[in-house]
Amino acid sequence: MDSVAILKAISNTRLAVVEPEYASISSWPVGLVGTIVEVYDMGKECQDLVEFADSQGIEYAMAMLKADEILVLQYELAVA
């Protein structure tokens, strides 16, 4: 369950919006943070199901995003 940030603006038509007040936003901004909840192997590429939630942890949208549309956030430096 990695935290990710959007690298490209995502059209609202690609989202499953849970909370109606977010339905009026036409595109979701670069930098918006979400959580990968499922990874789907689609043959040539994988797609990630990303959940977006507010600071209280209440989900407001989900989207299927490709690897080039997200950046996995690193909270600790890994030493090899």
PDB file of N, CA and C in Angstrom:
ATOM      1  N   MET A   1       0.845  -1.179   0.000  1.00  0.00           N
ATOM      2  CA  MET A   1       0.000   0.000   0.000  1.00  0.00           C
ATOM      3  C   MET A   1       0.890   1.241   0.000  1.00  0.00           C
ATOM      4  N   ASP A   2       1.491   1.500  -1.166  1.00  0.00           N
ATOM      5  CA  ASP A   2       2.373   2.649  -1.311  1.00  0.00           C
ATOM      6  C   ASP A   2       1.596   3.943  -1.457  1.00  0.00           C
ATOM      7  N   SER A   3       2.153   5.011  -0.907  1.00  0.00           N
ATOM      8  CA  SER A   3       1.625   6.342  -1.158  1.00  0.00           C
ATOM      9  C   SER A   3       2.224   6.827  -2.465  1.00  0.00           C
ATOM     10  N   VAL A   4       1.392   7.475  -3.281  1.00  0.00           N
ATOM     11  CA  VAL A   4       1.838   7.966  -4.579  1.00  0.00           C
ATOM     12  C   VAL A   4       1.326   9.386  -4.786  1.00  0.00           C
ATOM     13  N   ALA A   5       1.972  10.103  -5.711  1.00  0.00           N
ATOM     14  CA  ALA A   5       1.512  11.421  -6.128  1.00  0.00           C
ATOM     15  C   ALA A   5       1.269  11.382  -7.633  1.00  0.00           C
ATOM     16  N   ILE A   6       0.254  12.093  -8.081  1.00  0.00           N
ATOM     17  CA  ILE A   6      -0.070  12.170  -9.499  1.00  0.00           C
ATOM     18  C   ILE A   6       0.988  13.004 -10.220  1.00  0.00           C
ATOM     19  N   LEU A   7       1.517  12.495 -11.330  1.00  0.00           N
ATOM     20  CA  LEU A   7       2.514  13.208 -12.134  1.00  0.00           C
ATOM     21  C   LEU A   7       1.896  13.992 -13.281  1.00  0.00           C
ATOM     22  N   LYS A   8       0.694  13.633 -13.686  1.00  0.00           N
ATOM     23  CA  LYS A   8      -0.018  14.286 -14.784  1.00  0.00           C
ATOM     24  C   LYS A   8      -1.441  14.558 -14.303  1.00  0.00           C
ATOM     25  N   ALA A   9      -2.017  15.664 -14.747  1.00  0.00           N
ATOM     26  CA  ALA A   9      -3.414  15.940 -14.384  1.00  0.00           C
ATOM     27  C   ALA A   9      -4.293  14.801 -14.889  1.00  0.00           C
ATOM     28  N   ILE A  10      -5.237  14.368 -14.066  1.00  0.00           N
ATOM     29  CA  ILE A  10      -6.117  13.254 -14.390  1.00  0.00           C
ATOM     30  C   ILE A  10      -7.540  13.779 -14.578  1.00  0.00           C
ATOM     31  N   SER A  11      -8.131  13.477 -15.730  1.00  0.00           N
ATOM     32  CA  SER A  11      -9.499  13.902 -16.026  1.00  0.00           C
ATOM     33  C   SER A  11     -10.477  13.241 -15.056  1.00  0.00           C
ATOM     34  N   ASN A  12     -11.470  13.993 -14.665  1.00  0.00           N
ATOM     35  CA  ASN A  12     -12.508  13.493 -13.766  1.00  0.00           C
ATOM     36  C   ASN A  12     -13.237  12.287 -14.364  1.00  0.00           C
ATOM     37  N   THR A  13     -13.245  12.163 -15.682  1.00  0.00           N
ATOM     38  CA  THR A  13     -13.939  11.045 -16.335  1.00  0.00           C
ATOM     39  C   THR A  13     -13.246   9.714 -16.064  1.00  0.00           C
ATOM     40  N   ARG A  14     -11.993   9.736 -15.612  1.00  0.00           N
ATOM     41  CA  ARG A  14     -11.245   8.512 -15.311  1.00  0.00           C
ATOM     42  C   ARG A  14     -11.385   8.095 -13.850  1.00  0.00           C
ATOM     43  N   LEU A  15     -12.145   8.839 -13.089  1.00  0.00           N
ATOM     44  CA  LEU A  15     -12.271   8.586 -11.656  1.00  0.00           C
ATOM     45  C   LEU A  15     -13.635   8.014 -11.299  1.00  0.00           C
ATOM     46  N   ALA A  16     -13.646   7.207 -10.266  1.00  0.00           N
ATOM     47  CA  ALA A  16     -14.892   6.804  -9.622  1.00  0.00           C
ATOM     48  C   ALA A  16     -14.996   7.688  -8.386  1.00  0.00           C
ATOM     49  N   VAL A  17     -15.823   8.705  -8.472  1.00  0.00           N
ATOM     50  CA  VAL A  17     -15.954   9.681  -7.384  1.00  0.00           C
ATOM     51  C   VAL A  17     -16.983   9.183  -6.383  1.00  0.00           C
ATOM     52  N   VAL A  18     -16.562   9.103  -5.131  1.00  0.00           N
ATOM     53  CA  VAL A  18     -17.425   8.608  -4.060  1.00  0.00           C
ATOM     54  C   VAL A  18     -18.226   9.742  -3.433  1.00  0.00           C
ATOM     55  N   GLU A  19     -17.595  10.873  -3.260  1.00  0.00           N
ATOM     56  CA  GLU A  19     -18.247  12.026  -2.625  1.00  0.00           C
ATOM     57  C   GLU A  19     -18.707  13.018  -3.696  1.00  0.00           C
ATOM     58  N   PRO A  20     -20.007  13.319  -3.757  1.00  0.00           N
ATOM     59  CA  PRO A  20     -20.568  14.156  -4.821  1.00  0.00           C
ATOM     60  C   PRO A  20     -19.938  15.544  -4.959  1.00  0.00           C
ATOM     61  N   GLU A  21     -19.468  16.129  -3.873  1.00  0.00           N
ATOM     62  CA  GLU A  21     -18.905  17.488  -3.968  1.00  0.00           C
ATOM     63  C   GLU A  21     -17.629  17.532  -4.805  1.00  0.00           C
ATOM     64  N   TYR A  22     -16.977  16.383  -5.023  1.00  0.00           N
ATOM     65  CA  TYR A  22     -15.763  16.344  -5.833  1.00  0.00           C
ATOM     66  C   TYR A  22     -16.066  16.106  -7.316  1.00  0.00           C
ATOM     67  N   ALA A  23     -17.303  15.793  -7.658  1.00  0.00           N
ATOM     68  CA  ALA A  23     -17.677  15.489  -9.048  1.00  0.00           C
ATOM     69  C   ALA A  23     -17.548  16.707  -9.964  1.00  0.00           C
ATOM     70  N   SER A  24     -17.604  17.907  -9.430  1.00  0.00           N
ATOM     71  CA  SER A  24     -17.546  19.115 -10.252  1.00  0.00           C
ATOM     72  C   SER A  24     -16.115  19.494 -10.663  1.00  0.00           C
ATOM     73  N   ILE A  25     -15.114  18.851 -10.080  1.00  0.00           N
ATOM     74  CA  ILE A  25     -13.720  19.146 -10.428  1.00  0.00           C
ATOM     75  C   ILE A  25     -13.411  18.468 -11.758  1.00  0.00           C
ATOM     76  N   SER A  26     -13.020  19.251 -12.774  1.00  0.00           N
ATOM     77  CA  SER A  26     -12.844  18.686 -14.115  1.00  0.00           C
ATOM     78  C   SER A  26     -11.565  17.874 -14.264  1.00  0.00           C
ATOM     79  N   SER A  27     -10.499  18.268 -13.573  1.00  0.00           N
ATOM     80  CA  SER A  27      -9.284  17.448 -13.602  1.00  0.00           C
ATOM     81  C   SER A  27      -8.587  17.539 -12.254  1.00  0.00           C
ATOM     82  N   TRP A  28      -7.966  16.432 -11.885  1.00  0.00           N
ATOM     83  CA  TRP A  28      -7.319  16.329 -10.582  1.00  0.00           C
ATOM     84  C   TRP A  28      -5.868  16.746 -10.747  1.00  0.00           C
ATOM     85  N   PRO A  29      -5.348  17.567  -9.849  1.00  0.00           N
ATOM     86  CA  PRO A  29      -4.058  18.224 -10.056  1.00  0.00           C
ATOM     87  C   PRO A  29      -2.826  17.344  -9.849  1.00  0.00           C
ATOM     88  N   VAL A  30      -1.768  17.749 -10.518  1.00  0.00           N
ATOM     89  CA  VAL A  30      -0.452  17.144 -10.312  1.00  0.00           C
ATOM     90  C   VAL A  30      -0.100  17.309  -8.834  1.00  0.00           C
ATOM     91  N   GLY A  31       0.467  16.269  -8.246  1.00  0.00           N
ATOM     92  CA  GLY A  31       0.887  16.325  -6.854  1.00  0.00           C
ATOM     93  C   GLY A  31      -0.124  15.793  -5.862  1.00  0.00           C
ATOM     94  N   LEU A  32      -1.368  15.559  -6.313  1.00  0.00           N
ATOM     95  CA  LEU A  32      -2.375  15.008  -5.413  1.00  0.00           C
ATOM     96  C   LEU A  32      -1.919  13.631  -4.938  1.00  0.00           C
ATOM     97  N   VAL A  33      -2.014  13.382  -3.642  1.00  0.00           N
ATOM     98  CA  VAL A  33      -1.508  12.147  -3.049  1.00  0.00           C
ATOM     99  C   VAL A  33      -2.644  11.137  -2.859  1.00  0.00           C
ATOM    100  N   GLY A  34      -2.328   9.883  -3.194  1.00  0.00           N
ATOM    101  CA  GLY A  34      -3.260   8.781  -3.012  1.00  0.00           C
ATOM    102  C   GLY A  34      -2.508   7.550  -2.534  1.00  0.00           C
ATOM    103  N   THR A  35      -3.217   6.446  -2.416  1.00  0.00           N
ATOM    104  CA  THR A  35      -2.634   5.186  -1.952  1.00  0.00           C
ATOM    105  C   THR A  35      -2.973   4.076  -2.933  1.00  0.00           C
ATOM    106  N   ILE A  36      -1.954   3.313  -3.339  1.00  0.00           N
ATOM    107  CA  ILE A  36      -2.197   2.151  -4.192  1.00  0.00           C
ATOM    108  C   ILE A  36      -2.852   1.074  -3.335  1.00  0.00           C
ATOM    109  N   VAL A  37      -4.034   0.626  -3.755  1.00  0.00           N
ATOM    110  CA  VAL A  37      -4.738  -0.406  -2.999  1.00  0.00           C
ATOM    111  C   VAL A  37      -4.763  -1.746  -3.733  1.00  0.00           C
ATOM    112  N   GLU A  38      -4.468  -1.737  -5.030  1.00  0.00           N
ATOM    113  CA  GLU A  38      -4.445  -2.968  -5.822  1.00  0.00           C
ATOM    114  C   GLU A  38      -3.604  -2.737  -7.067  1.00  0.00           C
ATOM    115  N   VAL A  39      -2.883  -3.780  -7.484  1.00  0.00           N
ATOM    116  CA  VAL A  39      -2.086  -3.726  -8.710  1.00  0.00           C
ATOM    117  C   VAL A  39      -2.632  -4.776  -9.658  1.00  0.00           C
ATOM    118  N   TYR A  40      -2.914  -4.361 -10.899  1.00  0.00           N
ATOM    119  CA  TYR A  40      -3.458  -5.259 -11.911  1.00  0.00           C
ATOM    120  C   TYR A  40      -2.452  -5.435 -13.027  1.00  0.00           C
ATOM    121  N   ASP A  41      -2.099  -6.684 -13.333  1.00  0.00           N
ATOM    122  CA  ASP A  41      -1.199  -6.991 -14.441  1.00  0.00           C
ATOM    123  C   ASP A  41      -2.040  -7.085 -15.697  1.00  0.00           C
ATOM    124  N   MET A  42      -1.883  -6.120 -16.594  1.00  0.00           N
ATOM    125  CA  MET A  42      -2.699  -6.041 -17.810  1.00  0.00           C
ATOM    126  C   MET A  42      -1.931  -6.567 -19.032  1.00  0.00           C
ATOM    127  N   GLY A  43      -0.989  -7.475 -18.825  1.00  0.00           N
ATOM    128  CA  GLY A  43      -0.202  -8.004 -19.941  1.00  0.00           C
ATOM    129  C   GLY A  43       1.059  -7.194 -20.148  1.00  0.00           C
ATOM    130  N   LYS A  44       1.010  -6.234 -21.063  1.00  0.00           N
ATOM    131  CA  LYS A  44       2.188  -5.415 -21.369  1.00  0.00           C
ATOM    132  C   LYS A  44       2.532  -4.436 -20.253  1.00  0.00           C
ATOM    133  N   GLU A  45       1.553  -4.021 -19.507  1.00  0.00           N
ATOM    134  CA  GLU A  45       1.794  -3.051 -18.436  1.00  0.00           C
ATOM    135  C   GLU A  45       0.878  -3.316 -17.251  1.00  0.00           C
ATOM    136  N   CYS A  46       1.290  -2.823 -16.124  1.00  0.00           N
ATOM    137  CA  CYS A  46       0.470  -2.915 -14.923  1.00  0.00           C
ATOM    138  C   CYS A  46      -0.294  -1.611 -14.745  1.00  0.00           C
ATOM    139  N   GLN A  47      -1.435  -1.706 -14.120  1.00  0.00           N
ATOM    140  CA  GLN A  47      -2.165  -0.520 -13.728  1.00  0.00           C
ATOM    141  C   GLN A  47      -2.452  -0.626 -12.239  1.00  0.00           C
ATOM    142  N   ASP A  48      -2.429   0.519 -11.591  1.00  0.00           N
ATOM    143  CA  ASP A  48      -2.633   0.572 -10.149  1.00  0.00           C
ATOM    144  C   ASP A  48      -3.980   1.201  -9.834  1.00  0.00           C
ATOM    145  N   LEU A  49      -4.705   0.570  -8.928  1.00  0.00           N
ATOM    146  CA  LEU A  49      -5.932   1.163  -8.415  1.00  0.00           C
ATOM    147  C   LEU A  49      -5.515   2.060  -7.255  1.00  0.00           C
ATOM    148  N   VAL A  50      -5.744   3.351  -7.421  1.00  0.00           N
ATOM    149  CA  VAL A  50      -5.310   4.337  -6.429  1.00  0.00           C
ATOM    150  C   VAL A  50      -6.541   4.939  -5.755  1.00  0.00           C
ATOM    151  N   GLU A  51      -6.496   4.941  -4.436  1.00  0.00           N
ATOM    152  CA  GLU A  51      -7.572   5.525  -3.630  1.00  0.00           C
ATOM    153  C   GLU A  51      -7.126   6.905  -3.161  1.00  0.00           C
ATOM    154  N   PHE A  52      -8.030   7.869  -3.257  1.00  0.00           N
ATOM    155  CA  PHE A  52      -7.771   9.215  -2.757  1.00  0.00           C
ATOM    156  C   PHE A  52      -8.668   9.443  -1.554  1.00  0.00           C
ATOM    157  N   ALA A  53      -8.081   9.921  -0.466  1.00  0.00           N
ATOM    158  CA  ALA A  53      -8.821  10.125   0.776  1.00  0.00           C
ATOM    159  C   ALA A  53      -8.416  11.461   1.401  1.00  0.00           C
ATOM    160  N   ASP A  54      -9.301  11.983   2.223  1.00  0.00           N
ATOM    161  CA  ASP A  54      -8.992  13.243   2.904  1.00  0.00           C
ATOM    162  C   ASP A  54      -8.102  12.976   4.122  1.00  0.00           C
ATOM    163  N   SER A  55      -7.775  14.026   4.849  1.00  0.00           N
ATOM    164  CA  SER A  55      -6.858  13.896   5.988  1.00  0.00           C
ATOM    165  C   SER A  55      -7.440  13.067   7.131  1.00  0.00           C
ATOM    166  N   GLN A  56      -8.750  12.828   7.101  1.00  0.00           N
ATOM    167  CA  GLN A  56      -9.399  11.983   8.108  1.00  0.00           C
ATOM    168  C   GLN A  56      -9.447  10.521   7.667  1.00  0.00           C
ATOM    169  N   GLY A  57      -8.937  10.236   6.444  1.00  0.00           N
ATOM    170  CA  GLY A  57      -8.930   8.875   5.921  1.00  0.00           C
ATOM    171  C   GLY A  57     -10.212   8.462   5.219  1.00  0.00           C
ATOM    172  N   ILE A  58     -11.094   9.434   4.953  1.00  0.00           N
ATOM    173  CA  ILE A  58     -12.357   9.138   4.280  1.00  0.00           C
ATOM    174  C   ILE A  58     -12.146   9.209   2.768  1.00  0.00           C
ATOM    175  N   GLU A  59     -12.396   8.083   2.097  1.00  0.00           N
ATOM    176  CA  GLU A  59     -12.202   7.988   0.652  1.00  0.00           C
ATOM    177  C   GLU A  59     -13.163   8.911  -0.091  1.00  0.00           C
ATOM    178  N   TYR A  60     -12.634   9.622  -1.117  1.00  0.00           N
ATOM    179  CA  TYR A  60     -13.519  10.436  -1.939  1.00  0.00           C
ATOM    180  C   TYR A  60     -13.440  10.090  -3.421  1.00  0.00           C
ATOM    181  N   ALA A  61     -12.434   9.310  -3.852  1.00  0.00           N
ATOM    182  CA  ALA A  61     -12.351   8.899  -5.255  1.00  0.00           C
ATOM    183  C   ALA A  61     -11.354   7.758  -5.414  1.00  0.00           C
ATOM    184  N   MET A  62     -11.485   7.046  -6.552  1.00  0.00           N
ATOM    185  CA  MET A  62     -10.546   5.995  -6.927  1.00  0.00           C
ATOM    186  C   MET A  62     -10.285   6.123  -8.426  1.00  0.00           C
ATOM    187  N   ALA A  63      -9.090   5.685  -8.862  1.00  0.00           N
ATOM    188  CA  ALA A  63      -8.760   5.728 -10.286  1.00  0.00           C
ATOM    189  C   ALA A  63      -7.762   4.633 -10.620  1.00  0.00           C
ATOM    190  N   MET A  64      -7.856   4.122 -11.853  1.00  0.00           N
ATOM    191  CA  MET A  64      -6.863   3.196 -12.389  1.00  0.00           C
ATOM    192  C   MET A  64      -5.811   4.054 -13.083  1.00  0.00           C
ATOM    193  N   LEU A  65      -4.562   3.967 -12.615  1.00  0.00           N
ATOM    194  CA  LEU A  65      -3.496   4.796 -13.158  1.00  0.00           C
ATOM    195  C   LEU A  65      -2.321   3.942 -13.616  1.00  0.00           C
ATOM    196  N   LYS A  66      -1.673   4.403 -14.675  1.00  0.00           N
ATOM    197  CA  LYS A  66      -0.498   3.714 -15.211  1.00  0.00           C
ATOM    198  C   LYS A  66       0.739   4.168 -14.446  1.00  0.00           C
ATOM    199  N   ALA A  67       1.803   3.387 -14.561  1.00  0.00           N
ATOM    200  CA  ALA A  67       3.047   3.668 -13.835  1.00  0.00           C
ATOM    201  C   ALA A  67       3.623   5.040 -14.175  1.00  0.00           C
ATOM    202  N   ASP A  68       3.468   5.496 -15.433  1.00  0.00           N
ATOM    203  CA  ASP A  68       4.036   6.788 -15.810  1.00  0.00           C
ATOM    204  C   ASP A  68       3.180   7.980 -15.365  1.00  0.00           C
ATOM    205  N   GLU A  69       2.053   7.705 -14.695  1.00  0.00           N
ATOM    206  CA  GLU A  69       1.191   8.770 -14.206  1.00  0.00           C
ATOM    207  C   GLU A  69       1.358   9.028 -12.715  1.00  0.00           C
ATOM    208  N   ILE A  70       2.159   8.196 -12.042  1.00  0.00           N
ATOM    209  CA  ILE A  70       2.321   8.330 -10.594  1.00  0.00           C
ATOM    210  C   ILE A  70       3.789   8.266 -10.186  1.00  0.00           C
ATOM    211  N   LEU A  71       4.070   8.818  -9.034  1.00  0.00           N
ATOM    212  CA  LEU A  71       5.389   8.758  -8.414  1.00  0.00           C
ATOM    213  C   LEU A  71       5.206   8.135  -7.037  1.00  0.00           C
ATOM    214  N   VAL A  72       5.893   7.028  -6.779  1.00  0.00           N
ATOM    215  CA  VAL A  72       5.825   6.397  -5.459  1.00  0.00           C
ATOM    216  C   VAL A  72       6.620   7.262  -4.495  1.00  0.00           C
ATOM    217  N   LEU A  73       6.004   7.638  -3.383  1.00  0.00           N
ATOM    218  CA  LEU A  73       6.651   8.506  -2.400  1.00  0.00           C
ATOM    219  C   LEU A  73       7.497   7.681  -1.448  1.00  0.00           C
ATOM    220  N   GLN A  74       8.674   8.168  -1.149  1.00  0.00           N
ATOM    221  CA  GLN A  74       9.618   7.507  -0.245  1.00  0.00           C
ATOM    222  C   GLN A  74       9.711   8.317   1.035  1.00  0.00           C
ATOM    223  N   TYR A  75       9.444   7.685   2.159  1.00  0.00           N
ATOM    224  CA  TYR A  75       9.487   8.384   3.444  1.00  0.00           C
ATOM    225  C   TYR A  75      10.782   8.094   4.197  1.00  0.00           C
ATOM    226  N   GLU A  76      11.513   7.073   3.783  1.00  0.00           N
ATOM    227  CA  GLU A  76      12.778   6.717   4.438  1.00  0.00           C
ATOM    228  C   GLU A  76      13.815   6.419   3.384  1.00  0.00           C
ATOM    229  N   LEU A  77      15.035   6.705   3.669  1.00  0.00           N
ATOM    230  CA  LEU A  77      16.132   6.416   2.767  1.00  0.00           C
ATOM    231  C   LEU A  77      16.582   4.977   2.997  1.00  0.00           C
ATOM    232  N   ALA A  78      16.552   4.186   1.934  1.00  0.00           N
ATOM    233  CA  ALA A  78      16.965   2.783   2.017  1.00  0.00           C
ATOM    234  C   ALA A  78      18.466   2.685   1.766  1.00  0.00           C
ATOM    235  N   VAL A  79      19.173   2.017   2.650  1.00  0.00           N
ATOM    236  CA  VAL A  79      20.621   1.815   2.510  1.00  0.00           C
ATOM    237  C   VAL A  79      20.853   0.419   1.978  1.00  0.00           C
ATOM    238  N   ALA A  80      21.619   0.318   0.897  1.00  0.00           N
ATOM    239  CA  ALA A  80      21.874  -0.999   0.278  1.00  0.00           C
ATOM    240  C   ALA A  80      23.043  -1.698   0.964  1.00  0.00           C
TER     241      ALA A  80
END
